[in-house]
Amino acid sequence: MEIVLPGLMIAIAALFRGVTGFGFALLAALGLSSLMAPQDATSIILLIDLVLTGLILRKFDRHMVDWRATAILLGFGLIGGISGPYVAAMLSDDSARIATNIAIAIAALVAMMHRPPQWMGHVVVGAVLALVVGGMMAGFAVGGPLAAAWLLAGGTEGARVRNTLAIYFGFVDVLGFATRAGAGMLPDGFLGMALPLLAIAVIAYFPGEMIYRKMSMILWRRVCAISLVLIAIVGAMQTILIML
């Protein structure tokens, strides 16, 4: 059971990432945070998310990236990506779980918008979100949908959203994981825990990608919205139970 339940959570999250291009860390954090210490879960999620990002970018096309948005995301995400693990390390396990679930609820509620408000696409908003999301992802492995909402509000569409997010997520994942490794924050026996789950994630990712390629953009948005509503509800319920 030590591998079955986490493996199931990782498989569902990887399938979702294959379909949407984001959301693996969001969904995996929600599942794993109740099965293991949040710091252990975050380290595993960052490693797997980095590999899945590589799968998305394996057919990289520079014309399918919003480079202006990418520069903003990477420039300000650098600060959050390095500081996030240290902020998370200062919290107790219960506090980290509550912070994670609150971040999940906020990210899910924003991302489920059919069309984010136009003001949300402003450069200043993007810079703030890049910093905050970078910290959230590196520290708690959640928050990616906030960056997706900013891109959509700014007019980035379709595959350009998917590829731009992949570059940003990969960048933050590298920063977060490297910071944890360098500061000795990785749990004992990390590779023994992470590698089986990584294999499960890679296997589950490809069916999701096949589904994505057959979906219309309208259907893709609806699937994302409905899924994120459910994630937000589960996250809110989990937070309430922890606080009781």
Protein backbone atom coordinates (compact mmCIF):
# COMPACT_ATOMS: atom_id res chain seq x y z
CA MET A 1 0.00 0.00 0.00
CA GLU A 2 3.01 2.31 0.45
CA ILE A 3 3.37 2.49 -3.34
CA VAL A 4 -0.18 1.69 -4.54
CA LEU A 5 -1.99 4.80 -3.26
CA PRO A 6 0.78 7.31 -4.10
CA GLY A 7 1.19 5.58 -7.47
CA LEU A 8 -2.52 5.96 -8.21
CA MET A 9 -2.43 9.65 -7.30
CA ILE A 10 0.64 10.22 -9.47
CA ALA A 11 -0.90 8.34 -12.41
CA ILE A 12 -4.08 10.45 -12.31
CA ALA A 13 -2.06 13.66 -12.03
CA ALA A 14 0.26 12.69 -14.91
CA LEU A 15 -2.72 11.78 -17.11
CA PHE A 16 -4.22 15.19 -16.32
CA ARG A 17 -0.93 16.92 -17.21
CA GLY A 18 -0.90 15.09 -20.52
CA VAL A 19 -4.38 16.38 -21.32
CA THR A 20 -4.10 19.96 -20.04
CA GLY A 21 -0.38 20.78 -20.15
CA PHE A 22 -0.52 21.93 -16.52
CA GLY A 23 -1.97 20.75 -13.23
CA PHE A 24 0.28 17.77 -12.43
CA ALA A 25 1.83 19.40 -9.37
CA LEU A 26 -1.53 20.80 -8.29
CA LEU A 27 -3.26 17.41 -8.36
CA ALA A 28 -0.30 15.38 -7.11
CA ALA A 29 0.21 17.72 -4.14
CA LEU A 30 -3.43 17.35 -3.19
CA GLY A 31 -3.14 13.56 -3.20
CA LEU A 32 0.32 13.05 -1.73
CA SER A 33 0.06 15.68 1.01
CA SER A 34 -2.26 13.37 2.96
CA LEU A 35 -0.07 10.29 2.42
CA MET A 36 3.41 11.61 3.29
CA ALA A 37 5.17 14.61 4.80
CA PRO A 38 4.61 17.71 2.60
CA GLN A 39 8.36 18.33 2.21
CA ASP A 40 8.90 14.76 0.98
CA ALA A 41 5.94 15.00 -1.38
CA THR A 42 7.09 18.33 -2.83
CA SER A 43 10.58 17.02 -3.63
CA ILE A 44 9.14 14.01 -5.45
CA ILE A 45 6.60 16.13 -7.33
CA LEU A 46 9.24 18.62 -8.50
CA LEU A 47 11.40 15.83 -9.95
CA ILE A 48 8.49 14.14 -11.74
CA ASP A 49 7.09 17.44 -13.00
CA LEU A 50 10.48 18.27 -14.48
CA VAL A 51 10.56 14.99 -16.42
CA LEU A 52 6.99 15.49 -17.69
CA THR A 53 7.94 18.99 -18.79
CA GLY A 54 10.73 17.46 -20.84
CA LEU A 55 8.20 15.16 -22.50
CA ILE A 56 6.01 18.11 -23.46
CA LEU A 57 9.02 19.95 -24.93
CA ARG A 58 10.52 16.95 -26.75
CA LYS A 59 9.05 18.29 -30.02
CA PHE A 60 10.03 21.86 -29.24
CA ASP A 61 9.01 24.52 -31.75
CA ARG A 62 10.29 28.00 -30.91
CA HIS A 63 7.48 29.53 -32.98
CA MET A 64 4.94 28.00 -30.58
CA VAL A 65 6.21 29.93 -27.54
CA ASP A 66 5.16 33.39 -26.32
CA TRP A 67 8.72 34.66 -25.75
CA ARG A 68 7.67 38.03 -24.30
CA ALA A 69 5.62 36.28 -21.62
CA THR A 70 8.37 33.71 -21.11
CA ALA A 71 10.93 36.44 -20.35
CA ILE A 72 8.66 37.91 -17.66
CA LEU A 73 7.89 34.51 -16.15
CA LEU A 74 11.53 33.42 -16.01
CA GLY A 75 12.93 36.75 -14.82
CA PHE A 76 10.63 37.10 -11.82
CA GLY A 77 10.14 33.36 -11.27
CA LEU A 78 13.86 33.13 -10.48
CA ILE A 79 13.36 34.88 -7.13
CA GLY A 80 10.39 32.75 -6.12
CA GLY A 81 11.98 29.51 -7.28
CA ILE A 82 15.00 29.99 -5.02
CA SER A 83 13.18 31.36 -1.96
CA GLY A 84 10.17 29.00 -2.02
CA PRO A 85 11.86 25.91 -0.47
CA TYR A 86 13.23 27.96 2.45
CA VAL A 87 9.80 29.43 3.19
CA ALA A 88 8.21 25.95 3.11
CA ALA A 89 10.94 24.52 5.38
CA MET A 90 10.02 26.99 8.13
CA LEU A 91 6.47 25.63 8.40
CA SER A 92 5.24 22.62 10.39
CA ASP A 93 3.69 19.71 8.47
CA ASP A 94 0.12 20.76 9.31
CA SER A 95 0.84 24.40 8.44
CA ALA A 96 2.41 23.29 5.17
CA ARG A 97 -0.66 21.16 4.35
CA ILE A 98 -3.00 24.07 5.07
CA ALA A 99 -0.85 26.46 2.98
CA THR A 100 -0.76 23.91 0.16
CA ASN A 101 -4.52 23.42 0.10
CA ILE A 102 -5.23 27.15 0.26
CA ALA A 103 -2.87 27.65 -2.69
CA ILE A 104 -4.61 24.80 -4.54
CA ALA A 105 -8.03 26.38 -3.97
CA ILE A 106 -6.89 29.83 -5.16
CA ALA A 107 -5.11 28.43 -8.21
CA ALA A 108 -8.04 26.24 -9.16
CA LEU A 109 -10.63 28.99 -8.75
CA VAL A 110 -8.63 31.36 -10.96
CA ALA A 111 -7.85 28.78 -13.61
CA MET A 112 -11.41 27.60 -13.98
CA MET A 113 -12.46 31.00 -15.34
CA HIS A 114 -13.72 30.63 -18.89
CA ARG A 115 -12.04 33.91 -19.79
CA PRO A 116 -9.83 35.66 -17.18
CA PRO A 117 -10.43 39.45 -16.91
CA GLN A 118 -8.34 41.56 -19.29
CA TRP A 119 -6.59 43.45 -16.46
CA MET A 120 -5.10 40.16 -15.31
CA GLY A 121 -2.95 40.04 -18.46
CA HIS A 122 -1.03 43.23 -17.56
CA VAL A 123 2.78 43.03 -17.44
CA VAL A 124 2.92 44.12 -13.78
CA VAL A 125 0.38 41.45 -12.80
CA GLY A 126 2.44 38.89 -14.72
CA ALA A 127 5.63 39.89 -12.88
CA VAL A 128 3.95 39.58 -9.47
CA LEU A 129 2.34 36.25 -10.39
CA ALA A 130 5.63 34.91 -11.77
CA LEU A 131 7.35 35.63 -8.45
CA VAL A 132 4.50 34.30 -6.29
CA VAL A 133 3.85 31.22 -8.42
CA GLY A 134 7.57 30.48 -8.56
CA GLY A 135 7.66 30.46 -4.77
CA MET A 136 4.48 28.39 -4.49
CA MET A 137 5.69 25.80 -6.98
CA ALA A 138 9.20 25.48 -5.55
CA GLY A 139 7.93 25.46 -1.97
CA PHE A 140 4.65 23.55 -2.19
CA ALA A 141 4.50 22.27 -5.81
CA VAL A 142 1.27 24.15 -6.59
CA GLY A 143 0.18 27.36 -8.29
CA GLY A 144 0.76 26.73 -11.99
CA PRO A 145 -2.83 27.52 -13.09
CA LEU A 146 -2.34 31.13 -11.93
CA ALA A 147 0.36 31.50 -14.58
CA ALA A 148 -1.94 29.85 -17.12
CA ALA A 149 -4.69 32.34 -16.31
CA TRP A 150 -2.28 35.25 -16.86
CA LEU A 151 -1.28 33.94 -20.28
CA LEU A 152 -4.89 33.45 -21.33
CA ALA A 153 -5.85 36.93 -20.10
CA GLY A 154 -2.98 38.39 -22.12
CA GLY A 155 -4.19 36.76 -25.33
CA THR A 156 -1.82 33.76 -25.57
CA GLU A 157 -3.70 30.82 -27.02
CA GLY A 158 -3.60 27.06 -27.57
CA ALA A 159 -0.28 25.31 -27.93
CA ARG A 160 1.58 28.56 -27.16
CA VAL A 161 0.11 28.46 -23.63
CA ARG A 162 1.13 24.82 -23.23
CA ASN A 163 4.72 25.35 -24.43
CA THR A 164 5.27 28.65 -22.60
CA LEU A 165 4.09 27.09 -19.35
CA ALA A 166 6.31 24.05 -19.93
CA ILE A 167 9.40 26.27 -20.15
CA TYR A 168 8.43 28.20 -17.02
CA PHE A 169 7.51 25.08 -15.03
CA GLY A 170 10.75 23.37 -16.03
CA PHE A 171 12.76 26.42 -14.97
CA VAL A 172 11.06 26.63 -11.56
CA ASP A 173 11.26 22.87 -11.04
CA VAL A 174 15.03 22.95 -11.64
CA LEU A 175 15.47 25.89 -9.24
CA GLY A 176 13.27 24.36 -6.55
CA PHE A 177 14.81 20.90 -6.76
CA ALA A 178 18.40 22.19 -6.94
CA THR A 179 17.80 24.48 -3.95
CA ARG A 180 16.41 21.58 -1.92
CA ALA A 181 19.26 19.27 -2.91
CA GLY A 182 21.91 21.90 -2.20
CA ALA A 183 20.45 22.74 1.21
CA GLY A 184 20.08 19.09 2.24
CA MET A 185 16.27 19.21 2.23
CA LEU A 186 15.75 15.99 0.25
CA PRO A 187 14.38 13.15 2.41
CA ASP A 188 16.40 10.04 3.26
CA GLY A 189 15.92 7.33 0.64
CA PHE A 190 14.64 9.92 -1.84
CA LEU A 191 15.52 8.03 -5.02
CA GLY A 192 13.96 4.83 -3.69
CA MET A 193 10.68 6.69 -3.18
CA ALA A 194 10.80 8.83 -6.31
CA LEU A 195 11.92 6.48 -9.10
CA PRO A 196 8.95 4.03 -8.96
CA LEU A 197 6.53 6.96 -8.94
CA LEU A 198 8.43 8.60 -11.80
CA ALA A 199 8.04 5.46 -13.92
CA ILE A 200 4.30 5.39 -13.20
CA ALA A 201 3.98 9.07 -14.16
CA VAL A 202 5.76 8.65 -17.49
CA ILE A 203 3.57 5.68 -18.42
CA ALA A 204 0.38 7.56 -17.48
CA TYR A 205 1.36 10.77 -19.28
CA PHE A 206 1.22 9.46 -22.86
CA PRO A 207 -2.49 8.44 -22.91
CA GLY A 208 -3.27 11.96 -21.68
CA GLU A 209 -1.24 13.51 -24.48
CA MET A 210 -3.09 11.34 -27.03
CA ILE A 211 -6.42 12.57 -25.64
CA TYR A 212 -5.22 16.20 -25.85
CA ARG A 213 -4.34 15.88 -29.54
CA LYS A 214 -7.88 14.73 -30.35
CA MET A 215 -9.68 17.47 -28.39
CA SER A 216 -11.03 20.76 -29.66
CA MET A 217 -9.94 23.91 -27.81
CA ILE A 218 -13.48 24.42 -26.50
CA LEU A 219 -13.61 20.90 -25.07
CA TRP A 220 -10.09 21.33 -23.64
CA ARG A 221 -11.18 24.45 -21.74
CA ARG A 222 -14.28 22.70 -20.38
CA VAL A 223 -12.29 19.68 -19.17
CA CYS A 224 -9.82 21.99 -17.43
CA ALA A 225 -12.57 24.03 -15.78
CA ILE A 226 -14.60 21.06 -14.51
CA SER A 227 -11.53 19.22 -13.23
CA LEU A 228 -10.21 22.28 -11.40
CA VAL A 229 -13.59 22.90 -9.74
CA LEU A 230 -13.46 19.36 -8.33
CA ILE A 231 -9.86 19.84 -7.22
CA ALA A 232 -10.76 23.09 -5.46
CA ILE A 233 -13.65 21.43 -3.61
CA VAL A 234 -11.52 18.48 -2.45
CA GLY A 235 -8.71 20.81 -1.39
CA ALA A 236 -11.12 22.97 0.64
CA MET A 237 -12.57 19.90 2.37
CA GLN A 238 -9.09 18.60 3.20
CA THR A 239 -8.07 21.99 4.64
CA ILE A 240 -11.17 22.08 6.87
CA LEU A 241 -10.47 18.56 8.17
CA ILE A 242 -6.86 19.47 9.01
CA MET A 243 -7.93 22.59 10.89
CA LEU A 244 -10.60 20.79 12.96
